[in-house]
Amino acid sequence: MNRTHLPTRSSRSRQLGAALPVALILLTILMLLAVAGMRSAGLGFIMAGNEQYRQKAFIASEAGIERAVSLGTFDPDNTTVTLAGSVPNAATDTYAVTIATQLGGAPQGAIFGSSWNAFSTFHFEVQSTGSSVRNAATTHNQGVAVLAPSSLVVTGAGGL
């Protein structure tokens, strides 16, 4: 006689309810993974935004240098000139520029040869700080050499 093994009532009662704790544990693990993924994605968006604002501050700093060079306020007698402004079409992006005379404003003689001896150069440093939202800021330095007659006394057209 073949007897099939049927679970008895006592073994069935021990198995009831084991699926519920396992399912709850797996659901908790999935929820923690989902929360971690959302936090990671949110952090990625914040980092991308910060990089965008840093780039805008970089552009503002470069705009300040371009503005300083285009204004041509390079005077060896004036040791420091400051400029400030905002980037066109970007109300929150600003720059602050300082033009400082280098080498005490003394002219540097040309070393190129015969016809260049009538000219000197005056050296300046342009420092521009651009800023954008979220306290993004960059500072850039640019050296400028202005070619001028060797004498500061100039007659006729021309001069500094």
Protein backbone atom coordinates (compact mmCIF):
# COMPACT_ATOMS: atom_id res chain seq x y z
CA MET A 1 0.00 0.00 0.00
CA ASN A 2 1.34 3.35 -1.09
CA ARG A 3 0.94 6.15 1.28
CA THR A 4 1.28 9.65 0.01
CA HIS A 5 2.66 12.04 2.42
CA LEU A 6 0.08 14.66 3.26
CA PRO A 7 0.97 17.53 5.53
CA THR A 8 -0.61 17.20 8.86
CA ARG A 9 -2.50 19.98 10.51
CA SER A 10 0.34 20.75 12.93
CA SER A 11 2.93 21.28 10.14
CA ARG A 12 0.51 23.57 8.22
CA SER A 13 -0.05 25.80 11.20
CA ARG A 14 3.68 26.36 11.56
CA GLN A 15 3.96 27.62 7.93
CA LEU A 16 1.15 30.13 8.05
CA GLY A 17 2.30 33.77 8.16
CA ALA A 18 5.90 33.23 6.97
CA ALA A 19 5.20 34.95 3.64
CA LEU A 20 4.06 38.19 5.29
CA PRO A 21 7.35 39.01 7.09
CA VAL A 22 9.38 38.09 3.98
CA ALA A 23 7.18 40.32 1.79
CA LEU A 24 7.48 43.21 4.27
CA ILE A 25 11.26 42.90 4.37
CA LEU A 26 11.48 42.88 0.55
CA LEU A 27 9.11 45.86 0.31
CA THR A 28 11.23 47.80 2.83
CA ILE A 29 14.39 47.06 0.84
CA LEU A 30 12.73 48.22 -2.39
CA MET A 31 11.50 51.40 -0.72
CA LEU A 32 14.99 52.21 0.60
CA LEU A 33 16.48 51.69 -2.88
CA ALA A 34 13.83 53.97 -4.40
CA VAL A 35 14.48 56.73 -1.84
CA ALA A 36 18.25 56.47 -2.40
CA GLY A 37 17.72 56.72 -6.17
CA MET A 38 15.54 59.80 -5.80
CA ARG A 39 18.10 61.48 -3.56
CA SER A 40 20.86 60.70 -6.02
CA ALA A 41 18.87 62.14 -8.92
CA GLY A 42 18.04 65.26 -6.89
CA LEU A 43 21.71 65.75 -6.03
CA GLY A 44 22.58 65.41 -9.71
CA PHE A 45 20.14 68.19 -10.60
CA ILE A 46 21.63 70.45 -7.92
CA MET A 47 25.17 69.79 -9.14
CA ALA A 48 24.17 70.49 -12.75
CA GLY A 49 22.54 73.77 -11.66
CA ASN A 50 25.64 74.81 -9.72
CA GLU A 51 27.82 74.12 -12.76
CA GLN A 52 25.50 76.26 -14.88
CA TYR A 53 25.77 79.14 -12.40
CA ARG A 54 29.56 78.77 -12.28
CA GLN A 55 29.64 79.00 -16.08
CA LYS A 56 27.51 82.15 -15.94
CA ALA A 57 29.92 83.68 -13.39
CA PHE A 58 32.81 82.78 -15.73
CA ILE A 59 31.06 84.56 -18.60
CA ALA A 60 30.39 87.59 -16.39
CA SER A 61 34.07 87.76 -15.43
CA GLU A 62 35.14 87.58 -19.07
CA ALA A 63 32.58 90.27 -19.96
CA GLY A 64 34.18 92.52 -17.34
CA ILE A 65 37.61 92.08 -18.88
CA GLU A 66 36.24 92.80 -22.36
CA ARG A 67 34.48 95.91 -21.07
CA ALA A 68 37.66 97.17 -19.37
CA VAL A 69 39.75 96.65 -22.49
CA SER A 70 37.15 98.27 -24.75
CA LEU A 71 36.83 101.36 -22.53
CA GLY A 72 40.57 101.98 -22.79
CA THR A 73 40.96 103.52 -19.32
CA PHE A 74 44.65 102.70 -19.11
CA ASP A 75 46.35 105.73 -17.59
CA PRO A 76 49.79 105.22 -15.98
CA ASP A 77 49.21 108.22 -13.68
CA ASN A 78 46.02 106.71 -12.26
CA THR A 79 47.12 103.71 -10.20
CA THR A 80 43.71 102.03 -9.85
CA VAL A 81 40.53 102.26 -11.90
CA THR A 82 37.39 100.34 -10.97
CA LEU A 83 34.41 99.42 -13.10
CA ALA A 84 31.24 97.51 -12.32
CA GLY A 85 28.31 96.40 -14.39
CA SER A 86 25.99 93.60 -15.35
CA VAL A 87 26.06 91.22 -18.27
CA PRO A 88 23.62 92.21 -21.03
CA ASN A 89 20.47 90.05 -21.05
CA ALA A 90 21.39 88.52 -17.67
CA ALA A 91 20.14 90.68 -14.81
CA THR A 92 21.57 88.47 -12.06
CA ASP A 93 25.09 88.19 -13.50
CA THR A 94 27.46 91.02 -12.59
CA TYR A 95 31.15 91.88 -12.74
CA ALA A 96 33.54 94.10 -10.82
CA VAL A 97 36.79 95.10 -12.52
CA THR A 98 39.96 96.68 -11.20
CA ILE A 99 42.62 98.04 -13.56
CA ALA A 100 45.90 98.46 -11.69
CA THR A 101 49.07 100.09 -13.00
CA GLN A 102 52.05 97.76 -12.85
CA LEU A 103 55.73 98.59 -12.31
CA GLY A 104 54.81 101.84 -10.57
CA GLY A 105 53.51 103.32 -13.81
CA ALA A 106 57.04 103.58 -15.17
CA PRO A 107 57.42 103.18 -18.94
CA GLN A 108 59.39 100.19 -20.13
CA GLY A 109 61.70 100.91 -23.02
CA ALA A 110 61.41 98.96 -26.22
CA ILE A 111 64.17 96.46 -26.90
CA PHE A 112 63.26 95.65 -30.46
CA GLY A 113 65.69 97.89 -32.32
CA SER A 114 66.13 101.19 -34.09
CA SER A 115 62.64 102.41 -34.99
CA TRP A 116 61.09 100.98 -31.81
CA ASN A 117 63.30 103.13 -29.58
CA ALA A 118 60.78 105.95 -29.89
CA PHE A 119 58.15 103.87 -28.06
CA SER A 120 57.63 102.52 -24.58
CA THR A 121 55.11 100.20 -23.00
CA PHE A 122 53.05 100.72 -19.89
CA HIS A 123 51.90 97.60 -18.09
CA PHE A 124 48.53 97.08 -16.41
CA GLU A 125 46.72 94.23 -14.71
CA VAL A 126 42.99 93.81 -15.19
CA GLN A 127 41.30 91.75 -12.47
CA SER A 128 37.65 90.90 -13.05
CA THR A 129 35.34 89.08 -10.64
CA GLY A 130 32.12 87.75 -12.12
CA SER A 131 29.24 86.60 -9.95
CA SER A 132 25.95 84.82 -10.47
CA VAL A 133 23.20 83.36 -8.29
CA ARG A 134 23.90 80.82 -5.52
CA ASN A 135 27.10 82.71 -4.68
CA ALA A 136 28.85 81.49 -7.82
CA ALA A 137 31.93 83.63 -8.48
CA THR A 138 35.09 83.49 -10.56
CA THR A 139 38.06 85.83 -10.74
CA HIS A 140 40.21 86.28 -13.83
CA ASN A 141 43.41 88.27 -14.33
CA GLN A 142 44.54 89.71 -17.64
CA GLY A 143 47.77 91.53 -18.34
CA VAL A 144 47.72 94.48 -20.75
CA ALA A 145 50.66 96.33 -22.28
CA VAL A 146 49.92 99.70 -23.85
CA LEU A 147 52.27 100.93 -26.52
CA ALA A 148 52.96 104.68 -26.22
CA PRO A 149 55.54 107.26 -27.26
CA SER A 150 58.67 107.18 -25.12
CA SER A 151 57.95 110.71 -23.90
CA LEU A 152 54.81 111.50 -21.96
CA VAL A 153 54.83 114.94 -23.61
CA VAL A 154 53.11 114.45 -26.95
CA THR A 155 52.36 117.15 -29.50
CA GLY A 156 49.75 116.79 -32.18
CA ALA A 157 47.40 113.87 -32.54
CA GLY A 158 48.05 110.79 -30.49
CA GLY A 159 49.09 110.24 -26.93
CA LEU A 160 47.91 107.94 -24.21
